[in-house]
Amino acid sequence: MGVTYVAVAAGHPLAKAAAKENAELAVFCDECARGGTSEAELATMEKKGMPTGHWAVQPLTGREVPVYVANFVLMEYGTGAVMAVPGHDQRDWEFATKYGLPIEAVIADENGQAPDLAEGAREEYGTVINSGEFDGLDFTQAFDAIAAKLESVGRGEVKTNYRLRDWGVARQRYWGAPIPVKYGPEGQTVPLSDEELPVALPMEITVDASGSPLKRMPEFSDLGDGWVRETDTFDTFMESSWYFARFCCADNHEAMLDERADYWLPVDLYIGGIEHAILHLLYARFFTKLMRDLGLVKVDEPFQRLLTQGMVIAETFYRSTPNGGKEWFNPADVEVKRDDKGRPISAVLVEDGQPVEMGGIEKMSKSKNNGVDPQSMIDRFGADTVRLFMMFAAPPEQSLEWSDAGVEGAHRFLKRLWRLVNDHLATGEPGDLDVAALSEPQRELRRKTHETIKKASDDIGRRTTFNTAIAAVMELSNALGRFQADRDAACPQNRAVAREAIEACVLLLSPITPHACHALWHSLGHDEPAIDARWPQLDESAWHATPSSW
């Protein structure tokens, strides 16, 4: 019920028809057609779109919503059209935010209220709101009720779309689980009997040519009487698709799994690179359901939450070679001239001072020689600085553009936080916080402190948007710096309010910059490590303060 626009693929008949009347739209559709269609590319690329000038009608309410051509919609999947509900889908939210489209809540938060959608979509299931006759139903009930009504008025039906591709599990290599199959002299294909299992890979192996080394080992493949063993091995996904279950009981040498797998599963949070997680997630879910059907585990799904990391990208530089190829140079070996906005204008190789071509920003790879040695950055700035930059530079699911200037900025922030703590300690011990006796500036800093605790806790714990959590702490540190500069340090209540803000900054950053925060926490007089300290507790009464322009 929360649909506010419809997005169609560039190859959709509606998009093609609109493009005939709009030259700019035609160019955009051509760009979309040349773009990537893999799951990894679609998940990380910038969402772009253009209005078609057409409108779609919501079949139950009669509401008209605009139709856009969008680069993330594929003609090959479903009907090539997506009804967008930006209040409850992050991709739709990003698109709607970018193009100023309405964002409406139709699923309540855990308190039964309309969620705050200013920072992102709320994707968790809950009770339906703002949906007329369907209000008060849970998500599943509402889905069934809406589907039934659409069918009753002849305007829709439930249909399942499958994105199925064949999985070639055989590999012509030594490393992998043996495939337990043998072939007979008359072309028979027969699975190995239980007595012939397990098949052990030979330990004495020579890998010195292309193709399968097992195929060149008759002592492994020849079973006698014209029977030969399969020499291909399984794709390593066959092992990695259930390792999380085996990890729970890896010391069991009598069985594949035991009851400990049921105790620990499902996994709370799955974190993986976007280029791997989609296929691995699919295979792991398949294996889990297979193990469930065999009675090995009781869970239906292997993972409760999924976080897919984007790729790290960086600038590339090259020179053309006489044979038509390209010689790539590492960014560390190139001196770049930039404009006042930091955009590259020209580049020369440090070694000879001669120009090099700028190849654009691409995924870090050996082939483009645009990788960054993390150890050199750690040696220069420290591990906490590198961690802070990588967590702050982009949301975890999007591509991260490496920037030496960004690393330096993260280092400056940590030094500023260090100075804030030491400046505060120099004022003496804080007084006891008396919430009822606070002045307006003190209340405002306290409001900012607890506003930050709420946002950073939600960003880290639920939304996994670490960059916005860090940004919130940076804002609090700026407010704290202004407060300490403008207020009387001799006032015990000033010191008490500042101490609360400082400790919140340190603890909220401790998962991201653990070494610096560990040292700062001890300097604040605490014996236990920051990692063991209680997470900052929210005091909603602090929000009663009204911000001003102090």
Protein backbone atom coordinates (compact mmCIF):
# COMPACT_ATOMS: atom_id res chain seq x y z
CA MET A 1 0.00 0.00 0.00
CA GLY A 2 3.00 2.31 0.37
CA VAL A 3 3.87 2.39 -3.34
CA THR A 4 4.83 5.92 -4.42
CA TYR A 5 6.37 5.23 -7.84
CA VAL A 6 6.91 2.43 -10.35
CA ALA A 7 10.32 1.64 -11.85
CA VAL A 8 10.66 -0.19 -15.16
CA ALA A 9 13.64 -1.66 -16.98
CA ALA A 10 15.17 0.17 -19.93
CA GLY A 11 14.01 -2.68 -22.16
CA HIS A 12 10.39 -2.51 -20.98
CA PRO A 13 7.84 -1.73 -23.75
CA LEU A 14 6.69 1.34 -21.82
CA ALA A 15 10.27 2.63 -21.59
CA LYS A 16 10.85 2.02 -25.30
CA ALA A 17 7.66 3.84 -26.23
CA ALA A 18 8.50 6.81 -24.01
CA ALA A 19 12.06 6.94 -25.37
CA LYS A 20 10.73 7.47 -28.90
CA GLU A 21 9.23 10.75 -27.72
CA ASN A 22 12.12 11.81 -25.47
CA ALA A 23 15.69 11.93 -26.83
CA GLU A 24 17.22 12.36 -23.37
CA LEU A 25 15.36 9.31 -22.11
CA ALA A 26 16.52 7.34 -25.17
CA VAL A 27 20.15 8.12 -24.31
CA PHE A 28 19.57 7.04 -20.71
CA CYS A 29 17.99 3.75 -21.83
CA ASP A 30 21.03 3.07 -24.03
CA GLU A 31 23.31 3.68 -21.03
CA CYS A 32 21.28 1.25 -18.95
CA ALA A 33 21.52 -1.39 -21.67
CA ARG A 34 25.31 -1.14 -21.59
CA GLY A 35 25.47 -1.43 -17.80
CA GLY A 36 26.19 -4.54 -15.77
CA THR A 37 23.48 -7.01 -14.87
CA SER A 38 25.23 -9.17 -12.29
CA GLU A 39 23.91 -9.27 -8.73
CA ALA A 40 27.13 -7.69 -7.44
CA GLU A 41 27.01 -4.81 -9.92
CA LEU A 42 23.34 -4.10 -9.33
CA ALA A 43 23.81 -4.08 -5.55
CA THR A 44 26.67 -1.58 -5.51
CA MET A 45 26.14 0.73 -8.48
CA GLU A 46 24.62 4.18 -8.14
CA LYS A 47 20.85 4.07 -8.57
CA LYS A 48 19.77 6.26 -11.51
CA GLY A 49 16.47 6.91 -13.20
CA MET A 50 14.42 9.18 -15.45
CA PRO A 51 10.67 9.84 -15.53
CA THR A 52 8.80 8.47 -18.52
CA GLY A 53 6.01 11.01 -18.32
CA HIS A 54 3.57 8.16 -17.74
CA TRP A 55 1.61 7.36 -14.60
CA ALA A 56 0.53 4.07 -13.07
CA VAL A 57 -2.70 3.56 -11.12
CA GLN A 58 -2.70 1.76 -7.77
CA PRO A 59 -5.42 -0.87 -8.40
CA LEU A 60 -7.05 -0.72 -4.95
CA THR A 61 -6.90 2.99 -4.14
CA GLY A 62 -6.89 4.53 -7.61
CA ARG A 63 -3.89 6.65 -6.67
CA GLU A 64 -1.66 7.72 -9.57
CA VAL A 65 2.11 7.31 -9.16
CA PRO A 66 4.88 8.29 -11.62
CA VAL A 67 6.65 5.71 -13.77
CA TYR A 68 10.46 5.91 -13.96
CA VAL A 69 13.02 4.05 -16.02
CA ALA A 70 15.62 2.79 -13.52
CA ASN A 71 19.02 1.21 -14.08
CA PHE A 72 18.56 -1.37 -11.31
CA VAL A 73 15.48 -3.05 -12.83
CA LEU A 74 16.09 -6.01 -15.15
CA MET A 75 13.80 -6.98 -18.00
CA GLU A 76 14.89 -10.60 -17.55
CA TYR A 77 13.31 -10.87 -14.10
CA GLY A 78 9.55 -10.94 -13.61
CA THR A 79 7.74 -8.40 -15.76
CA GLY A 80 10.58 -5.88 -15.88
CA ALA A 81 8.62 -3.52 -13.64
CA VAL A 82 8.93 -2.91 -9.90
CA MET A 83 6.38 -1.31 -7.61
CA ALA A 84 8.47 0.79 -5.25
CA VAL A 85 7.69 1.09 -1.53
CA PRO A 86 10.52 3.37 -0.38
CA GLY A 87 9.39 3.43 3.23
CA HIS A 88 10.30 -0.24 3.62
CA ASP A 89 12.92 -1.06 0.99
CA GLN A 90 16.35 0.57 1.22
CA ARG A 91 17.03 0.53 -2.51
CA ASP A 92 13.66 2.17 -3.20
CA TRP A 93 14.35 4.65 -0.38
CA GLU A 94 17.68 5.70 -1.88
CA PHE A 95 16.06 6.22 -5.28
CA ALA A 96 13.11 8.17 -3.83
CA THR A 97 15.42 10.33 -1.73
CA LYS A 98 17.60 11.11 -4.73
CA TYR A 99 14.69 12.17 -6.92
CA GLY A 100 12.48 13.79 -4.29
CA LEU A 101 9.71 11.19 -4.43
CA PRO A 102 7.29 10.59 -1.53
CA ILE A 103 8.31 8.15 1.20
CA GLU A 104 5.42 6.80 3.25
CA ALA A 105 5.26 4.43 6.22
CA VAL A 106 2.81 1.54 5.98
CA ILE A 107 4.46 -0.78 8.53
CA ALA A 108 4.71 0.29 12.17
CA ASP A 109 7.83 0.18 14.31
CA GLU A 110 8.23 -2.05 17.37
CA ASN A 111 6.15 0.44 19.40
CA GLY A 112 3.25 0.37 16.96
CA GLN A 113 4.02 3.89 15.73
CA ALA A 114 4.92 5.22 12.29
CA PRO A 115 8.72 4.81 12.00
CA ASP A 116 11.11 7.68 11.36
CA LEU A 117 12.18 7.25 7.73
CA ALA A 118 14.47 10.28 7.52
CA GLU A 119 17.66 8.19 7.68
CA GLY A 120 16.58 5.10 5.77
CA ALA A 121 13.88 2.54 5.13
CA ARG A 122 12.51 0.32 7.88
CA GLU A 123 12.69 -3.16 6.36
CA GLU A 124 11.58 -5.23 9.37
CA TYR A 125 8.14 -6.80 9.27
CA GLY A 126 5.49 -5.46 11.63
CA THR A 127 1.89 -4.30 11.88
CA VAL A 128 0.35 -2.60 8.85
CA ILE A 129 -0.66 1.08 9.19
CA ASN A 130 -1.94 3.80 6.84
CA SER A 131 -3.49 1.09 4.66
CA GLY A 132 -7.22 1.52 5.15
CA GLU A 133 -9.08 -1.72 5.76
CA PHE A 134 -5.79 -3.62 6.16
CA ASP A 135 -4.60 -1.62 9.19
CA GLY A 136 -3.74 -3.73 12.22
CA LEU A 137 -2.84 -6.88 10.28
CA ASP A 138 0.65 -8.29 10.48
CA PHE A 139 2.73 -8.45 7.31
CA THR A 140 1.74 -11.99 6.31
CA GLN A 141 -1.94 -11.42 7.02
CA ALA A 142 -1.90 -8.18 5.05
CA PHE A 143 -0.16 -9.84 2.09
CA ASP A 144 -2.79 -12.57 1.94
CA ALA A 145 -5.68 -10.13 2.40
CA ILE A 146 -4.47 -7.72 -0.28
CA ALA A 147 -3.78 -10.59 -2.70
CA ALA A 148 -7.27 -11.99 -2.09
CA LYS A 149 -8.89 -8.62 -2.75
CA LEU A 150 -6.92 -8.08 -5.95
CA GLU A 151 -8.01 -11.49 -7.18
CA SER A 152 -11.64 -10.84 -6.19
CA VAL A 153 -11.80 -7.67 -8.30
CA GLY A 154 -9.92 -9.25 -11.19
CA ARG A 155 -6.88 -6.99 -10.94
CA GLY A 156 -4.13 -9.35 -9.88
CA GLU A 157 -3.02 -12.78 -8.75
CA VAL A 158 -0.23 -14.30 -6.70
CA LYS A 159 2.70 -15.50 -8.79
CA THR A 160 6.15 -16.76 -7.80
CA ASN A 161 9.10 -15.66 -9.94
CA TYR A 162 12.22 -17.83 -9.92
CA ARG A 163 15.75 -16.78 -10.76
CA LEU A 164 17.23 -20.21 -11.40
CA ARG A 165 20.55 -20.94 -13.06
CA ASP A 166 22.32 -24.25 -13.53
CA TRP A 167 25.14 -24.88 -11.07
CA GLY A 168 28.10 -26.67 -12.61
CA VAL A 169 29.64 -28.30 -9.54
CA ALA A 170 32.56 -30.11 -11.20
CA ARG A 171 36.09 -28.69 -11.27
CA GLN A 172 39.13 -30.03 -13.12
CA ARG A 173 41.50 -29.62 -10.21
CA TYR A 174 42.92 -31.46 -7.23
CA TRP A 175 41.67 -29.18 -4.48
CA GLY A 176 38.08 -30.07 -3.67
CA ALA A 177 35.91 -32.86 -2.35
CA PRO A 178 36.02 -35.98 -4.58
CA ILE A 179 32.82 -36.69 -6.49
CA PRO A 180 31.70 -40.20 -5.37
CA VAL A 181 30.86 -41.58 -8.82
CA LYS A 182 32.40 -44.26 -11.03
CA TYR A 183 31.95 -45.13 -14.71
CA GLY A 184 31.65 -48.63 -16.15
CA PRO A 185 33.09 -50.15 -19.32
CA GLU A 186 29.72 -49.84 -21.04
CA GLY A 187 29.20 -46.21 -20.13
CA GLN A 188 27.37 -46.81 -16.84
CA THR A 189 27.33 -43.98 -14.29
CA VAL A 190 27.09 -45.42 -10.78
CA PRO A 191 27.37 -43.73 -7.37
CA LEU A 192 29.91 -45.31 -5.06
CA SER A 193 28.57 -47.67 -2.42
CA ASP A 194 28.83 -46.92 1.29
CA GLU A 195 31.62 -49.48 1.51
CA GLU A 196 33.67 -47.46 -1.01
CA LEU A 197 33.40 -44.25 1.00
CA PRO A 198 35.02 -41.99 1.93
CA VAL A 199 37.17 -41.25 -1.09
CA ALA A 200 40.51 -39.82 0.03
CA LEU A 201 42.53 -37.60 -2.26
CA PRO A 202 46.07 -38.88 -2.86
CA MET A 203 48.69 -37.04 -0.83
CA GLU A 204 51.47 -37.51 -3.39
CA ILE A 205 50.37 -35.23 -6.20
CA THR A 206 52.13 -33.30 -8.95
CA VAL A 207 50.47 -30.16 -10.27
CA ASP A 208 52.66 -29.15 -13.19
CA ALA A 209 50.32 -28.94 -16.19
CA SER A 210 46.88 -27.78 -17.18
CA GLY A 211 43.87 -29.98 -16.59
CA SER A 212 43.09 -32.27 -13.71
CA PRO A 213 46.15 -33.81 -12.04
CA LEU A 214 43.93 -36.66 -10.79
CA LYS A 215 43.19 -37.66 -14.36
CA ARG A 216 46.90 -38.24 -14.89
CA MET A 217 47.06 -40.61 -11.90
CA PRO A 218 45.81 -44.06 -12.94
CA GLU A 219 46.50 -45.37 -9.44
CA PHE A 220 43.68 -43.07 -8.28
CA SER A 221 41.24 -43.30 -11.17
CA ASP A 222 41.61 -46.94 -12.35
CA LEU A 223 39.33 -49.25 -10.31
CA GLY A 224 39.91 -52.36 -12.44
CA ASP A 225 37.69 -54.36 -14.82
CA GLY A 226 37.18 -51.29 -16.99
CA TRP A 227 35.75 -49.16 -14.16
CA VAL A 228 37.20 -45.68 -13.59
CA ARG A 229 36.66 -43.17 -10.84
CA GLU A 230 35.41 -39.62 -11.49
CA THR A 231 38.49 -37.38 -11.45
CA ASP A 232 36.74 -34.02 -11.25
CA THR A 233 36.26 -32.58 -7.78
CA PHE A 234 33.39 -30.59 -6.34
CA ASP A 235 33.29 -26.83 -6.43
CA THR A 236 34.52 -25.63 -3.02
CA PHE A 237 31.07 -24.18 -2.41
CA MET A 238 30.16 -27.77 -1.57
CA GLU A 239 32.29 -27.45 1.56
CA SER A 240 31.71 -23.80 2.42
CA SER A 241 27.93 -24.15 2.16
CA TRP A 242 27.68 -25.90 5.54
CA TYR A 243 30.90 -25.02 7.39
CA PHE A 244 28.97 -22.81 9.83
CA ALA A 245 27.07 -25.88 11.05
CA ARG A 246 30.18 -28.05 11.28
CA PHE A 247 32.00 -25.30 13.17
CA CYS A 248 29.59 -25.85 16.07
CA CYS A 249 30.81 -29.43 16.54
CA ALA A 250 34.11 -29.71 14.68
CA ASP A 251 35.53 -32.09 17.28
CA ASN A 252 32.94 -34.78 16.49
CA HIS A 253 34.77 -37.48 14.52
CA GLU A 254 31.85 -39.92 14.51
CA ALA A 255 29.15 -37.87 12.78
CA MET A 256 28.74 -34.99 10.38
CA LEU A 257 26.82 -32.89 12.94
CA ASP A 258 25.41 -33.26 16.43
CA GLU A 259 22.94 -31.48 18.73
CA ARG A 260 25.33 -28.56 19.26
CA ALA A 261 24.52 -27.34 15.76
CA ASP A 262 20.88 -26.92 16.79
CA TYR A 263 21.99 -25.03 19.90
CA TRP A 264 24.05 -22.45 18.02
CA LEU A 265 22.22 -22.09 14.71
CA PRO A 266 21.04 -19.97 13.01
CA VAL A 267 23.98 -17.60 12.57
CA ASP A 268 23.14 -14.16 13.99
CA LEU A 269 24.85 -12.09 11.31
CA TYR A 270 26.34 -13.14 7.98
CA ILE A 271 29.00 -10.74 6.68
CA GLY A 272 30.50 -11.29 3.25
CA GLY A 273 31.84 -9.50 0.21
CA ILE A 274 29.15 -8.60 -2.30
CA GLU A 275 31.03 -10.48 -5.04
CA HIS A 276 30.72 -13.74 -3.07
CA ALA A 277 27.80 -13.49 -0.69
CA ILE A 278 24.93 -13.79 -3.14
CA LEU A 279 25.87 -17.17 -4.60
CA HIS A 280 27.24 -18.49 -1.33
CA LEU A 281 24.09 -17.39 0.47
CA LEU A 282 21.99 -19.25 -2.08
CA TYR A 283 24.02 -22.45 -1.76
CA ALA A 284 24.15 -22.25 2.05
CA ARG A 285 20.37 -21.90 2.21
CA PHE A 286 20.00 -24.87 -0.14
CA PHE A 287 22.32 -27.00 1.98
CA THR A 288 20.59 -26.00 5.20
CA LYS A 289 17.22 -27.09 3.85
CA LEU A 290 18.79 -30.33 2.64
CA MET A 291 20.31 -30.96 6.08
CA ARG A 292 16.96 -30.13 7.66
CA ASP A 293 15.19 -32.67 5.47
CA LEU A 294 17.79 -35.29 6.42
CA GLY A 295 17.25 -34.58 10.12
CA LEU A 296 20.75 -33.19 10.66
CA VAL A 297 19.55 -29.74 11.79
CA LYS A 298 16.23 -28.26 12.87
CA VAL A 299 16.57 -24.72 11.48
CA ASP A 300 14.99 -23.70 8.18
CA GLU A 301 17.34 -20.81 7.43
CA PRO A 302 21.09 -20.63 8.15
CA PHE A 303 21.38 -16.87 8.77
CA GLN A 304 19.22 -14.36 10.61
CA ARG A 305 20.71 -11.21 9.10
CA LEU A 306 22.83 -10.45 6.06
CA LEU A 307 25.40 -7.70 5.56
CA THR A 308 27.16 -7.67 2.20
CA GLN A 309 30.25 -5.51 1.96
CA GLY A 310 30.95 -3.39 -1.08
CA MET A 311 34.27 -3.46 -2.90
CA VAL A 312 37.24 -1.17 -2.27
CA ILE A 313 37.96 0.95 -5.34
CA ALA A 314 40.84 3.28 -6.16
CA GLU A 315 42.27 5.45 -8.93
CA THR A 316 44.16 3.76 -11.76
CA PHE A 317 47.09 5.06 -13.83
CA TYR A 318 48.74 3.61 -16.93
CA ARG A 319 50.84 4.13 -20.03
CA SER A 320 50.14 2.52 -23.36
CA THR A 321 52.79 0.05 -24.53
CA PRO A 322 54.07 -0.38 -28.11
CA ASN A 323 52.26 -3.70 -28.50
CA GLY A 324 48.89 -2.09 -27.78
CA GLY A 325 48.73 -3.09 -24.13
CA LYS A 326 48.84 -1.04 -20.95
CA GLU A 327 51.39 -0.81 -18.16
CA TRP A 328 49.67 -0.01 -14.88
CA PHE A 329 51.28 2.00 -12.09
CA ASN A 330 50.44 1.92 -8.41
CA PRO A 331 48.87 5.16 -7.08
CA ALA A 332 51.66 5.34 -4.47
CA ASP A 333 54.16 5.78 -7.34
CA VAL A 334 52.19 8.55 -9.04
CA GLU A 335 52.01 12.27 -8.23
CA VAL A 336 48.57 13.69 -9.00
CA LYS A 337 47.67 17.35 -9.53
CA ARG A 338 44.14 18.12 -8.39
CA ASP A 339 41.70 21.03 -8.64
CA ASP A 340 40.24 22.86 -5.64
CA LYS A 341 37.56 20.17 -5.31
CA GLY A 342 40.08 17.34 -5.17
CA ARG A 343 39.42 16.10 -8.69
CA PRO A 344 42.50 14.86 -10.60
CA ILE A 345 43.73 17.11 -13.42
CA SER A 346 46.99 15.44 -14.42
CA ALA A 347 49.42 12.83 -13.15
CA VAL A 348 53.11 12.00 -13.53
CA LEU A 349 55.16 8.99 -12.53
CA VAL A 350 57.39 9.95 -9.60
CA GLU A 351 60.26 7.83 -10.91
CA ASP A 352 60.75 9.71 -14.19
CA GLY A 353 58.47 12.76 -13.94
CA GLN A 354 56.73 11.83 -17.18
CA PRO A 355 52.93 11.91 -17.63
CA VAL A 356 50.72 8.89 -17.10
CA GLU A 357 47.12 8.40 -18.21
CA MET A 358 44.33 8.39 -15.63
CA GLY A 359 42.26 5.26 -16.06
CA GLY A 360 39.40 6.12 -13.75
CA ILE A 361 38.34 4.58 -10.46
CA GLU A 362 38.09 0.79 -10.41
CA LYS A 363 38.00 -2.15 -8.03
CA MET A 364 41.37 -2.74 -6.40
CA SER A 365 43.10 -5.56 -8.26
CA LYS A 366 46.52 -6.93 -9.11
CA SER A 367 45.83 -6.51 -12.82
CA LYS A 368 45.30 -2.74 -12.49
CA ASN A 369 48.04 -2.40 -9.84
CA ASN A 370 45.86 -0.03 -7.81
CA GLY A 371 46.00 -1.82 -4.48
CA VAL A 372 47.07 -0.08 -1.28
CA ASP A 373 49.40 -1.80 1.18
CA PRO A 374 47.43 -1.62 4.44
CA GLN A 375 50.57 -2.21 6.48
CA SER A 376 52.19 0.97 5.15
CA MET A 377 49.10 2.97 6.14
CA ILE A 378 49.01 1.29 9.56
CA ASP A 379 52.70 2.05 10.08
CA ARG A 380 52.07 5.68 9.17
CA PHE A 381 48.76 6.39 10.93
CA GLY A 382 47.95 3.40 13.15
CA ALA A 383 45.37 0.65 12.77
CA ASP A 384 42.58 2.69 14.38
CA THR A 385 42.89 5.46 11.81
CA VAL A 386 42.67 3.01 8.91
CA ARG A 387 39.66 1.28 10.48
CA LEU A 388 37.94 4.61 11.13
CA PHE A 389 38.43 5.77 7.55
CA MET A 390 37.14 2.54 6.05
CA MET A 391 34.06 2.52 8.27
CA PHE A 392 33.33 6.22 7.71
CA ALA A 393 34.02 6.62 3.99
CA ALA A 394 30.91 4.75 2.79
CA PRO A 395 28.03 2.57 3.97
CA PRO A 396 29.33 -1.00 4.27
CA GLU A 397 27.20 -2.34 1.42
CA GLN A 398 28.49 0.24 -1.09
CA SER A 399 31.83 0.57 -2.82
CA LEU A 400 34.50 2.39 -0.81
CA GLU A 401 36.74 4.77 -2.72
CA TRP A 402 40.20 4.72 -1.19
CA SER A 403 41.57 8.18 -0.45
CA ASP A 404 44.84 9.04 1.30
CA ALA A 405 43.32 12.43 2.12
CA GLY A 406 40.40 10.64 3.77
CA VAL A 407 42.79 8.60 5.91
CA GLU A 408 44.54 11.80 6.98
CA GLY A 409 41.15 13.31 7.88
CA ALA A 410 40.32 10.31 10.07
CA HIS A 411 43.69 10.71 11.79
CA ARG A 412 42.99 14.38 12.49
CA PHE A 413 39.66 13.51 14.08
CA LEU A 414 41.22 10.94 16.42
CA LYS A 415 43.87 13.47 17.47
CA ARG A 416 41.14 16.04 18.10
CA LEU A 417 39.22 13.55 20.26
CA TRP A 418 42.43 12.79 22.16
CA ARG A 419 42.90 16.51 22.85
CA LEU A 420 39.28 16.89 23.95
CA VAL A 421 39.71 14.16 26.54
CA ASN A 422 42.99 15.54 27.85
CA ASP A 423 41.67 19.11 27.95
CA HIS A 424 38.73 17.84 29.97
CA LEU A 425 40.96 15.90 32.37
CA ALA A 426 43.02 19.04 32.95
CA THR A 427 39.93 20.79 34.41
CA GLY A 428 39.79 18.39 37.35
CA GLU A 429 37.36 15.78 38.58
CA PRO A 430 33.75 16.14 37.42
CA GLY A 431 31.01 16.93 39.90
CA ASP A 432 27.92 14.80 40.45
CA LEU A 433 25.45 15.34 37.63
CA ASP A 434 22.29 17.08 38.89
CA VAL A 435 19.87 16.83 35.98
CA ALA A 436 17.28 19.07 37.65
CA ALA A 437 19.73 21.95 38.12
CA LEU A 438 21.22 22.18 34.62
CA SER A 439 21.49 25.46 32.75
CA GLU A 440 20.21 25.74 29.19
CA PRO A 441 23.65 25.17 27.54
CA GLN A 442 24.22 22.19 29.82
CA ARG A 443 20.83 20.74 28.91
CA GLU A 444 21.57 21.26 25.23
CA LEU A 445 24.86 19.36 25.39
CA ARG A 446 23.15 16.59 27.34
CA ARG A 447 20.35 16.46 24.76
CA LYS A 448 22.97 16.16 22.01
CA THR A 449 24.74 13.41 23.96
CA HIS A 450 21.65 11.24 24.29
CA GLU A 451 20.49 12.01 20.77
CA THR A 452 23.86 10.66 19.62
CA ILE A 453 23.59 7.58 21.85
CA LYS A 454 20.20 6.75 20.34
CA LYS A 455 21.29 7.27 16.74
CA ALA A 456 24.68 5.58 16.96
CA SER A 457 23.24 2.60 18.86
CA ASP A 458 20.56 2.10 16.21
CA ASP A 459 22.99 2.64 13.33
CA ILE A 460 25.48 0.11 14.71
CA GLY A 461 23.10 -2.44 16.22
CA ARG A 462 20.20 -2.53 13.77
CA ARG A 463 20.97 -0.66 10.57
CA THR A 464 24.73 -1.47 10.37
CA THR A 465 25.32 1.98 8.89
CA PHE A 466 28.58 2.59 10.68
CA ASN A 467 29.38 5.71 8.67
CA THR A 468 26.35 7.58 10.00
CA ALA A 469 27.10 6.41 13.54
CA ILE A 470 30.61 7.85 13.23
CA ALA A 471 29.21 11.07 11.77
CA ALA A 472 26.90 11.42 14.78
CA VAL A 473 29.83 11.00 17.19
CA MET A 474 31.81 13.59 15.23
CA GLU A 475 28.91 16.03 15.59
CA LEU A 476 28.81 15.38 19.33
CA SER A 477 32.56 15.95 19.63
CA ASN A 478 32.18 19.27 17.80
CA ALA A 479 29.40 20.33 20.17
CA LEU A 480 31.55 19.24 23.10
CA GLY A 481 34.50 21.24 21.82
CA ARG A 482 32.38 24.38 21.58
CA PHE A 483 30.95 23.75 25.04
CA GLN A 484 34.37 23.33 26.67
CA ALA A 485 35.68 26.44 24.92
CA ASP A 486 32.77 28.66 25.99
CA ARG A 487 31.97 27.44 29.50
CA ASP A 488 33.61 27.90 32.88
CA ALA A 489 35.73 24.80 33.50
CA ALA A 490 35.60 25.46 37.23
CA CYS A 491 31.86 24.74 37.29
CA PRO A 492 31.31 21.15 38.55
CA GLN A 493 28.11 20.76 36.49
CA ASN A 494 29.91 21.85 33.32
CA ARG A 495 32.53 19.18 33.99
CA ALA A 496 29.85 16.57 34.78
CA VAL A 497 27.90 17.19 31.57
CA ALA A 498 31.12 17.24 29.54
CA ARG A 499 32.28 13.98 31.16
CA GLU A 500 29.03 12.26 30.17
CA ALA A 501 29.47 13.43 26.56
CA ILE A 502 33.14 12.42 26.43
CA GLU A 503 32.51 8.94 27.81
CA ALA A 504 29.68 8.48 25.30
CA CYS A 505 32.04 9.43 22.44
CA VAL A 506 34.71 7.01 23.62
CA LEU A 507 32.37 4.05 24.15
CA LEU A 508 30.40 4.60 20.93
CA LEU A 509 33.65 4.62 18.96
CA SER A 510 35.26 1.73 20.85
CA PRO A 511 34.10 -1.03 18.44
CA ILE A 512 35.59 0.97 15.54
CA THR A 513 38.78 2.41 17.08
CA PRO A 514 39.43 -0.01 19.96
CA HIS A 515 43.06 0.83 20.71
CA ALA A 516 42.65 4.59 21.08
CA CYS A 517 39.39 4.21 22.99
CA HIS A 518 40.94 1.65 25.33
CA ALA A 519 43.66 4.14 26.25
CA LEU A 520 41.22 7.05 26.58
CA TRP A 521 38.84 5.00 28.74
CA HIS A 522 41.64 4.19 31.17
CA SER A 523 42.76 7.82 31.24
CA LEU A 524 39.20 8.71 32.28
CA GLY A 525 39.74 6.66 35.42
CA HIS A 526 38.15 3.32 34.54
CA ASP A 527 39.83 0.05 35.45
CA GLU A 528 37.91 -2.25 33.09
CA PRO A 529 38.66 -2.19 29.34
CA ALA A 530 36.33 -0.08 27.21
CA ILE A 531 35.29 -3.21 25.32
CA ASP A 532 33.91 -4.65 28.58
CA ALA A 533 32.20 -1.45 29.72
CA ARG A 534 28.42 -1.11 29.64
CA TRP A 535 27.15 0.46 26.43
CA PRO A 536 25.96 4.07 26.94
CA GLN A 537 22.41 4.09 28.28
CA LEU A 538 19.78 6.34 26.76
CA ASP A 539 18.01 8.87 28.99
CA GLU A 540 15.03 10.07 26.97
CA SER A 541 14.32 12.82 29.51
CA ALA A 542 17.43 14.57 28.16
CA TRP A 543 15.51 15.30 24.95
CA HIS A 544 13.26 17.78 26.74
CA ALA A 545 15.92 20.42 26.17
CA THR A 546 15.31 22.71 23.19
CA PRO A 547 18.30 23.35 20.91
CA SER A 548 19.41 26.92 20.31
CA SER A 549 22.24 28.59 18.45
CA TRP A 550 24.75 28.74 21.31
